[in-house]
Every structure is written in C-alpha cells, then in structure tokens.
Amino acid sequence: MAQLLVRDLPEALVLALKERAAANGRSAEAEHRLILEEALRSGRNEFRKRAARLRAGTVGRIQGESADLIREDRDSR
C-alpha cells in the first residue's frame, strides 16, 4: 500500500488530529486515513448530485450520440 508524508503542518493541526483520534478511539494515523477517505468520497457524491441536477435540466431536449446527431443534420441538407 502507498504511503503519504505531509510536511510542515502547523502544530495546532497535529494536536487537533491527535485529540480527534483519541476521542474516536483511533490512532492519529487511522484518523488521518479516515478524514482523507471521507473528504474524497464526499467529492464524488457532490459530483453525482451535480450531474443529476444537470441531467434533470436537460429533460425534453434532443438526446443521442453526437455522431448520430451530426450525421442526421448533415444528411438533412
């Protein structure tokens, strides 16, 4: 498995990580891993929500493969 080294963190941030880890019964490393996983997972969820909103906004519009639409337009001339 890969490793990640983060340099030059403010001491207050490291302390907050250790306190959060202790409060959750985990090591600082395990807490850090969980924070990264949650942050990156939420990014995907936000993307999915945004994509769903965009799809909802295109209801009723012409849909299909772009190549087919271009061919149809070209052939109609």
PDB file of N, CA and C in Angstrom:
ATOM      1  N   MET A   1       0.835  -1.165   0.000  1.00  0.00           N
ATOM      2  CA  MET A   1       0.000   0.000   0.000  1.00  0.00           C
ATOM      3  C   MET A   1       0.892   1.245   0.000  1.00  0.00           C
ATOM      4  N   ALA A   2       0.402   2.320  -0.588  1.00  0.00           N
ATOM      5  CA  ALA A   2       1.176   3.554  -0.685  1.00  0.00           C
ATOM      6  C   ALA A   2       1.241   4.278   0.651  1.00  0.00           C
ATOM      7  N   GLN A   3       2.237   5.126   0.773  1.00  0.00           N
ATOM      8  CA  GLN A   3       2.378   5.947   1.967  1.00  0.00           C
ATOM      9  C   GLN A   3       2.326   7.407   1.550  1.00  0.00           C
ATOM     10  N   LEU A   4       1.887   8.246   2.471  1.00  0.00           N
ATOM     11  CA  LEU A   4       1.775   9.673   2.218  1.00  0.00           C
ATOM     12  C   LEU A   4       2.449  10.414   3.355  1.00  0.00           C
ATOM     13  N   LEU A   5       3.355  11.302   3.015  1.00  0.00           N
ATOM     14  CA  LEU A   5       4.055  12.103   4.012  1.00  0.00           C
ATOM     15  C   LEU A   5       3.631  13.548   3.817  1.00  0.00           C
ATOM     16  N   VAL A   6       3.135  14.166   4.869  1.00  0.00           N
ATOM     17  CA  VAL A   6       2.704  15.560   4.807  1.00  0.00           C
ATOM     18  C   VAL A   6       3.648  16.368   5.679  1.00  0.00           C
ATOM     19  N   ARG A   7       4.337  17.304   5.091  1.00  0.00           N
ATOM     20  CA  ARG A   7       5.339  18.096   5.809  1.00  0.00           C
ATOM     21  C   ARG A   7       4.777  19.459   6.202  1.00  0.00           C
ATOM     22  N   ASP A   8       5.427  20.056   7.165  1.00  0.00           N
ATOM     23  CA  ASP A   8       5.197  21.448   7.582  1.00  0.00           C
ATOM     24  C   ASP A   8       3.759  21.719   8.018  1.00  0.00           C
ATOM     25  N   LEU A   9       3.179  20.789   8.757  1.00  0.00           N
ATOM     26  CA  LEU A   9       1.845  21.019   9.312  1.00  0.00           C
ATOM     27  C   LEU A   9       1.966  21.886  10.562  1.00  0.00           C
ATOM     28  N   PRO A  10       1.068  22.801  10.753  1.00  0.00           N
ATOM     29  CA  PRO A  10       1.085  23.588  11.989  1.00  0.00           C
ATOM     30  C   PRO A  10       0.885  22.659  13.188  1.00  0.00           C
ATOM     31  N   GLU A  11       1.574  22.948  14.256  1.00  0.00           N
ATOM     32  CA  GLU A  11       1.491  22.112  15.452  1.00  0.00           C
ATOM     33  C   GLU A  11       0.061  22.013  15.966  1.00  0.00           C
ATOM     34  N   ALA A  12      -0.699  23.101  15.847  1.00  0.00           N
ATOM     35  CA  ALA A  12      -2.095  23.099  16.315  1.00  0.00           C
ATOM     36  C   ALA A  12      -2.934  22.091  15.523  1.00  0.00           C
ATOM     37  N   LEU A  13      -2.646  21.940  14.241  1.00  0.00           N
ATOM     38  CA  LEU A  13      -3.379  20.978  13.416  1.00  0.00           C
ATOM     39  C   LEU A  13      -3.057  19.547  13.825  1.00  0.00           C
ATOM     40  N   VAL A  14      -1.794  19.283  14.088  1.00  0.00           N
ATOM     41  CA  VAL A  14      -1.383  17.946  14.526  1.00  0.00           C
ATOM     42  C   VAL A  14      -2.024  17.618  15.870  1.00  0.00           C
ATOM     43  N   LEU A  15      -2.041  18.580  16.767  1.00  0.00           N
ATOM     44  CA  LEU A  15      -2.659  18.379  18.068  1.00  0.00           C
ATOM     45  C   LEU A  15      -4.157  18.109  17.928  1.00  0.00           C
ATOM     46  N   ALA A  16      -4.823  18.872  17.061  1.00  0.00           N
ATOM     47  CA  ALA A  16      -6.262  18.666  16.837  1.00  0.00           C
ATOM     48  C   ALA A  16      -6.525  17.268  16.273  1.00  0.00           C
ATOM     49  N   LEU A  17      -5.655  16.800  15.385  1.00  0.00           N
ATOM     50  CA  LEU A  17      -5.793  15.456  14.824  1.00  0.00           C
ATOM     51  C   LEU A  17      -5.648  14.411  15.922  1.00  0.00           C
ATOM     52  N   LYS A  18      -4.657  14.571  16.765  1.00  0.00           N
ATOM     53  CA  LYS A  18      -4.438  13.614  17.850  1.00  0.00           C
ATOM     54  C   LYS A  18      -5.609  13.611  18.839  1.00  0.00           C
ATOM     55  N   GLU A  19      -6.134  14.796  19.139  1.00  0.00           N
ATOM     56  CA  GLU A  19      -7.277  14.878  20.055  1.00  0.00           C
ATOM     57  C   GLU A  19      -8.518  14.226  19.443  1.00  0.00           C
ATOM     58  N   ARG A  20      -8.752  14.483  18.171  1.00  0.00           N
ATOM     59  CA  ARG A  20      -9.902  13.870  17.491  1.00  0.00           C
ATOM     60  C   ARG A  20      -9.753  12.355  17.449  1.00  0.00           C
ATOM     61  N   ALA A  21      -8.538  11.891  17.156  1.00  0.00           N
ATOM     62  CA  ALA A  21      -8.279  10.450  17.109  1.00  0.00           C
ATOM     63  C   ALA A  21      -8.543   9.818  18.472  1.00  0.00           C
ATOM     64  N   ALA A  22      -8.047  10.431  19.519  1.00  0.00           N
ATOM     65  CA  ALA A  22      -8.241   9.890  20.875  1.00  0.00           C
ATOM     66  C   ALA A  22      -9.727   9.861  21.236  1.00  0.00           C
ATOM     67  N   ALA A  23     -10.446  10.908  20.861  1.00  0.00           N
ATOM     68  CA  ALA A  23     -11.878  10.965  21.162  1.00  0.00           C
ATOM     69  C   ALA A  23     -12.648   9.867  20.437  1.00  0.00           C
ATOM     70  N   ASN A  24     -12.125   9.436  19.279  1.00  0.00           N
ATOM     71  CA  ASN A  24     -12.782   8.393  18.494  1.00  0.00           C
ATOM     72  C   ASN A  24     -12.172   7.011  18.700  1.00  0.00           C
ATOM     73  N   GLY A  25     -11.204   6.913  19.615  1.00  0.00           N
ATOM     74  CA  GLY A  25     -10.586   5.627  19.921  1.00  0.00           C
ATOM     75  C   GLY A  25      -9.731   5.073  18.799  1.00  0.00           C
ATOM     76  N   ARG A  26      -9.114   5.969  18.029  1.00  0.00           N
ATOM     77  CA  ARG A  26      -8.252   5.546  16.925  1.00  0.00           C
ATOM     78  C   ARG A  26      -6.871   6.171  17.068  1.00  0.00           C
ATOM     79  N   SER A  27      -5.941   5.628  16.328  1.00  0.00           N
ATOM     80  CA  SER A  27      -4.617   6.250  16.264  1.00  0.00           C
ATOM     81  C   SER A  27      -4.723   7.489  15.378  1.00  0.00           C
ATOM     82  N   ALA A  28      -3.734   8.367  15.497  1.00  0.00           N
ATOM     83  CA  ALA A  28      -3.721   9.565  14.646  1.00  0.00           C
ATOM     84  C   ALA A  28      -3.636   9.160  13.182  1.00  0.00           C
ATOM     85  N   GLU A  29      -2.879   8.116  12.896  1.00  0.00           N
ATOM     86  CA  GLU A  29      -2.750   7.643  11.513  1.00  0.00           C
ATOM     87  C   GLU A  29      -4.087   7.137  10.975  1.00  0.00           C
ATOM     88  N   ALA A  30      -4.803   6.355  11.775  1.00  0.00           N
ATOM     89  CA  ALA A  30      -6.101   5.841  11.345  1.00  0.00           C
ATOM     90  C   ALA A  30      -7.103   6.984  11.175  1.00  0.00           C
ATOM     91  N   GLU A  31      -7.041   7.956  12.055  1.00  0.00           N
ATOM     92  CA  GLU A  31      -7.947   9.118  11.952  1.00  0.00           C
ATOM     93  C   GLU A  31      -7.648   9.915  10.694  1.00  0.00           C
ATOM     94  N   HIS A  32      -6.384  10.114  10.408  1.00  0.00           N
ATOM     95  CA  HIS A  32      -5.958  10.830   9.205  1.00  0.00           C
ATOM     96  C   HIS A  32      -6.458  10.108   7.958  1.00  0.00           C
ATOM     97  N   ARG A  33      -6.316   8.800   7.941  1.00  0.00           N
ATOM     98  CA  ARG A  33      -6.769   7.996   6.808  1.00  0.00           C
ATOM     99  C   ARG A  33      -8.277   8.153   6.609  1.00  0.00           C
ATOM    100  N   LEU A  34      -9.024   8.106   7.709  1.00  0.00           N
ATOM    101  CA  LEU A  34     -10.476   8.245   7.646  1.00  0.00           C
ATOM    102  C   LEU A  34     -10.878   9.632   7.149  1.00  0.00           C
ATOM    103  N   ILE A  35     -10.212  10.659   7.613  1.00  0.00           N
ATOM    104  CA  ILE A  35     -10.503  12.024   7.175  1.00  0.00           C
ATOM    105  C   ILE A  35     -10.281  12.156   5.668  1.00  0.00           C
ATOM    106  N   LEU A  36      -9.181  11.617   5.178  1.00  0.00           N
ATOM    107  CA  LEU A  36      -8.908  11.668   3.737  1.00  0.00           C
ATOM    108  C   LEU A  36      -9.968  10.911   2.946  1.00  0.00           C
ATOM    109  N   GLU A  37     -10.325   9.724   3.403  1.00  0.00           N
ATOM    110  CA  GLU A  37     -11.346   8.932   2.705  1.00  0.00           C
ATOM    111  C   GLU A  37     -12.674   9.671   2.646  1.00  0.00           C
ATOM    112  N   GLU A  38     -13.091  10.256   3.768  1.00  0.00           N
ATOM    113  CA  GLU A  38     -14.370  10.976   3.817  1.00  0.00           C
ATOM    114  C   GLU A  38     -14.345  12.205   2.915  1.00  0.00           C
ATOM    115  N   ALA A  39     -13.238  12.918   2.917  1.00  0.00           N
ATOM    116  CA  ALA A  39     -13.131  14.129   2.099  1.00  0.00           C
ATOM    117  C   ALA A  39     -13.200  13.791   0.616  1.00  0.00           C
ATOM    118  N   LEU A  40     -12.518  12.735   0.221  1.00  0.00           N
ATOM    119  CA  LEU A  40     -12.501  12.376  -1.199  1.00  0.00           C
ATOM    120  C   LEU A  40     -13.811  11.718  -1.626  1.00  0.00           C
ATOM    121  N   ARG A  41     -14.437  10.970  -0.744  1.00  0.00           N
ATOM    122  CA  ARG A  41     -15.714  10.339  -1.060  1.00  0.00           C
ATOM    123  C   ARG A  41     -16.791  11.406  -1.243  1.00  0.00           C
ATOM    124  N   SER A  42     -16.798  12.436  -0.388  1.00  0.00           N
ATOM    125  CA  SER A  42     -17.812  13.478  -0.494  1.00  0.00           C
ATOM    126  C   SER A  42     -17.668  14.224  -1.804  1.00  0.00           C
ATOM    127  N   GLY A  43     -16.455  14.340  -2.324  1.00  0.00           N
ATOM    128  CA  GLY A  43     -16.249  14.974  -3.627  1.00  0.00           C
ATOM    129  C   GLY A  43     -16.975  14.210  -4.718  1.00  0.00           C
ATOM    130  N   ARG A  44     -16.920  12.899  -4.663  1.00  0.00           N
ATOM    131  CA  ARG A  44     -17.621  12.075  -5.653  1.00  0.00           C
ATOM    132  C   ARG A  44     -19.122  12.207  -5.499  1.00  0.00           C
ATOM    133  N   ASN A  45     -19.586  12.256  -4.255  1.00  0.00           N
ATOM    134  CA  ASN A  45     -21.022  12.396  -4.021  1.00  0.00           C
ATOM    135  C   ASN A  45     -21.525  13.737  -4.537  1.00  0.00           C
ATOM    136  N   GLU A  46     -20.746  14.787  -4.320  1.00  0.00           N
ATOM    137  CA  GLU A  46     -21.130  16.107  -4.823  1.00  0.00           C
ATOM    138  C   GLU A  46     -21.176  16.105  -6.340  1.00  0.00           C
ATOM    139  N   PHE A  47     -20.216  15.419  -6.970  1.00  0.00           N
ATOM    140  CA  PHE A  47     -20.216  15.314  -8.433  1.00  0.00           C
ATOM    141  C   PHE A  47     -21.482  14.610  -8.907  1.00  0.00           C
ATOM    142  N   ARG A  48     -21.841  13.515  -8.240  1.00  0.00           N
ATOM    143  CA  ARG A  48     -23.044  12.776  -8.638  1.00  0.00           C
ATOM    144  C   ARG A  48     -24.297  13.632  -8.482  1.00  0.00           C
ATOM    145  N   LYS A  49     -24.377  14.401  -7.402  1.00  0.00           N
ATOM    146  CA  LYS A  49     -25.533  15.283  -7.200  1.00  0.00           C
ATOM    147  C   LYS A  49     -25.594  16.348  -8.294  1.00  0.00           C
ATOM    148  N   ARG A  50     -24.459  16.930  -8.612  1.00  0.00           N
ATOM    149  CA  ARG A  50     -24.419  17.961  -9.654  1.00  0.00           C
ATOM    150  C   ARG A  50     -24.793  17.367 -11.002  1.00  0.00           C
ATOM    151  N   ALA A  51     -24.289  16.186 -11.307  1.00  0.00           N
ATOM    152  CA  ALA A  51     -24.625  15.525 -12.569  1.00  0.00           C
ATOM    153  C   ALA A  51     -26.120  15.240 -12.650  1.00  0.00           C
ATOM    154  N   ALA A  52     -26.712  14.826 -11.542  1.00  0.00           N
ATOM    155  CA  ALA A  52     -28.156  14.562 -11.527  1.00  0.00           C
ATOM    156  C   ALA A  52     -28.941  15.842 -11.787  1.00  0.00           C
ATOM    157  N   ARG A  53     -28.491  16.952 -11.205  1.00  0.00           N
ATOM    158  CA  ARG A  53     -29.165  18.238 -11.455  1.00  0.00           C
ATOM    159  C   ARG A  53     -29.047  18.633 -12.920  1.00  0.00           C
ATOM    160  N   LEU A  54     -27.878  18.430 -13.506  1.00  0.00           N
ATOM    161  CA  LEU A  54     -27.694  18.758 -14.919  1.00  0.00           C
ATOM    162  C   LEU A  54     -28.570  17.880 -15.813  1.00  0.00           C
ATOM    163  N   ARG A  55     -28.637  16.583 -15.488  1.00  0.00           N
ATOM    164  CA  ARG A  55     -29.500  15.681 -16.268  1.00  0.00           C
ATOM    165  C   ARG A  55     -30.957  16.119 -16.165  1.00  0.00           C
ATOM    166  N   ALA A  56     -31.383  16.498 -14.965  1.00  0.00           N
ATOM    167  CA  ALA A  56     -32.769  16.934 -14.770  1.00  0.00           C
ATOM    168  C   ALA A  56     -33.052  18.198 -15.585  1.00  0.00           C
ATOM    169  N   GLY A  57     -32.051  19.043 -15.741  1.00  0.00           N
ATOM    170  CA  GLY A  57     -32.219  20.274 -16.501  1.00  0.00           C
ATOM    171  C   GLY A  57     -32.267  20.076 -18.000  1.00  0.00           C
ATOM    172  N   THR A  58     -31.925  18.878 -18.479  1.00  0.00           N
ATOM    173  CA  THR A  58     -31.930  18.625 -19.921  1.00  0.00           C
ATOM    174  C   THR A  58     -33.095  17.742 -20.354  1.00  0.00           C
ATOM    175  N   VAL A  59     -34.023  17.489 -19.456  1.00  0.00           N
ATOM    176  CA  VAL A  59     -35.184  16.662 -19.793  1.00  0.00           C
ATOM    177  C   VAL A  59     -35.949  17.327 -20.929  1.00  0.00           C
ATOM    178  N   GLY A  60     -36.292  16.541 -21.940  1.00  0.00           N
ATOM    179  CA  GLY A  60     -37.059  17.048 -23.072  1.00  0.00           C
ATOM    180  C   GLY A  60     -36.196  17.564 -24.209  1.00  0.00           C
ATOM    181  N   ARG A  61     -34.914  17.680 -24.003  1.00  0.00           N
ATOM    182  CA  ARG A  61     -34.025  18.134 -25.072  1.00  0.00           C
ATOM    183  C   ARG A  61     -33.642  16.957 -25.960  1.00  0.00           C
ATOM    184  N   ILE A  62     -33.129  17.268 -27.133  1.00  0.00           N
ATOM    185  CA  ILE A  62     -32.674  16.227 -28.059  1.00  0.00           C
ATOM    186  C   ILE A  62     -31.536  15.464 -27.390  1.00  0.00           C
ATOM    187  N   GLN A  63     -31.649  14.145 -27.420  1.00  0.00           N
ATOM    188  CA  GLN A  63     -30.615  13.317 -26.816  1.00  0.00           C
ATOM    189  C   GLN A  63     -30.171  12.269 -27.815  1.00  0.00           C
ATOM    190  N   GLY A  64     -28.979  11.813 -27.673  1.00  0.00           N
ATOM    191  CA  GLY A  64     -28.454  10.755 -28.531  1.00  0.00           C
ATOM    192  C   GLY A  64     -26.960  10.896 -28.676  1.00  0.00           C
ATOM    193  N   GLU A  65     -26.409   9.981 -29.426  1.00  0.00           N
ATOM    194  CA  GLU A  65     -24.980  10.017 -29.701  1.00  0.00           C
ATOM    195  C   GLU A  65     -24.684  11.213 -30.594  1.00  0.00           C
ATOM    196  N   SER A  66     -23.639  11.954 -30.263  1.00  0.00           N
ATOM    197  CA  SER A  66     -23.330  13.159 -31.033  1.00  0.00           C
ATOM    198  C   SER A  66     -23.045  12.829 -32.493  1.00  0.00           C
ATOM    199  N   ALA A  67     -22.369  11.721 -32.767  1.00  0.00           N
ATOM    200  CA  ALA A  67     -22.072  11.357 -34.156  1.00  0.00           C
ATOM    201  C   ALA A  67     -23.361  11.138 -34.937  1.00  0.00           C
ATOM    202  N   ASP A  68     -24.344  10.496 -34.321  1.00  0.00           N
ATOM    203  CA  ASP A  68     -25.631  10.270 -34.998  1.00  0.00           C
ATOM    204  C   ASP A  68     -26.337  11.585 -35.265  1.00  0.00           C
ATOM    205  N   LEU A  69     -26.304  12.503 -34.298  1.00  0.00           N
ATOM    206  CA  LEU A  69     -26.952  13.800 -34.468  1.00  0.00           C
ATOM    207  C   LEU A  69     -26.281  14.613 -35.569  1.00  0.00           C
ATOM    208  N   ILE A  70     -24.955  14.580 -35.625  1.00  0.00           N
ATOM    209  CA  ILE A  70     -24.216  15.300 -36.662  1.00  0.00           C
ATOM    210  C   ILE A  70     -24.525  14.707 -38.026  1.00  0.00           C
ATOM    211  N   ARG A  71     -24.528  13.373 -38.118  1.00  0.00           N
ATOM    212  CA  ARG A  71     -24.830  12.701 -39.394  1.00  0.00           C
ATOM    213  C   ARG A  71     -26.241  13.058 -39.856  1.00  0.00           C
ATOM    214  N   GLU A  72     -27.193  13.030 -38.950  1.00  0.00           N
ATOM    215  CA  GLU A  72     -28.582  13.356 -39.281  1.00  0.00           C
ATOM    216  C   GLU A  72     -28.692  14.800 -39.784  1.00  0.00           C
ATOM    217  N   ASP A  73     -28.014  15.712 -39.127  1.00  0.00           N
ATOM    218  CA  ASP A  73     -28.032  17.106 -39.547  1.00  0.00           C
ATOM    219  C   ASP A  73     -27.384  17.261 -40.915  1.00  0.00           C
ATOM    220  N   ARG A  74     -26.258  16.617 -41.133  1.00  0.00           N
ATOM    221  CA  ARG A  74     -25.549  16.703 -42.414  1.00  0.00           C
ATOM    222  C   ARG A  74     -26.391  16.118 -43.542  1.00  0.00           C
ATOM    223  N   ASP A  75     -27.041  14.995 -43.284  1.00  0.00           N
ATOM    224  CA  ASP A  75     -27.846  14.340 -44.315  1.00  0.00           C
ATOM    225  C   ASP A  75     -29.119  15.123 -44.647  1.00  0.00           C
ATOM    226  N   SER A  76     -29.569  15.963 -43.736  1.00  0.00           N
ATOM    227  CA  SER A  76     -30.815  16.714 -43.978  1.00  0.00           C
ATOM    228  C   SER A  76     -30.570  17.930 -44.869  1.00  0.00           C
ATOM    229  N   ARG A  77     -29.339  18.242 -45.192  1.00  0.00           N
ATOM    230  CA  ARG A  77     -29.030  19.418 -46.028  1.00  0.00           C
ATOM    231  C   ARG A  77     -29.091  19.102 -47.470  1.00  0.00           C
TER     232      ARG A  77
END
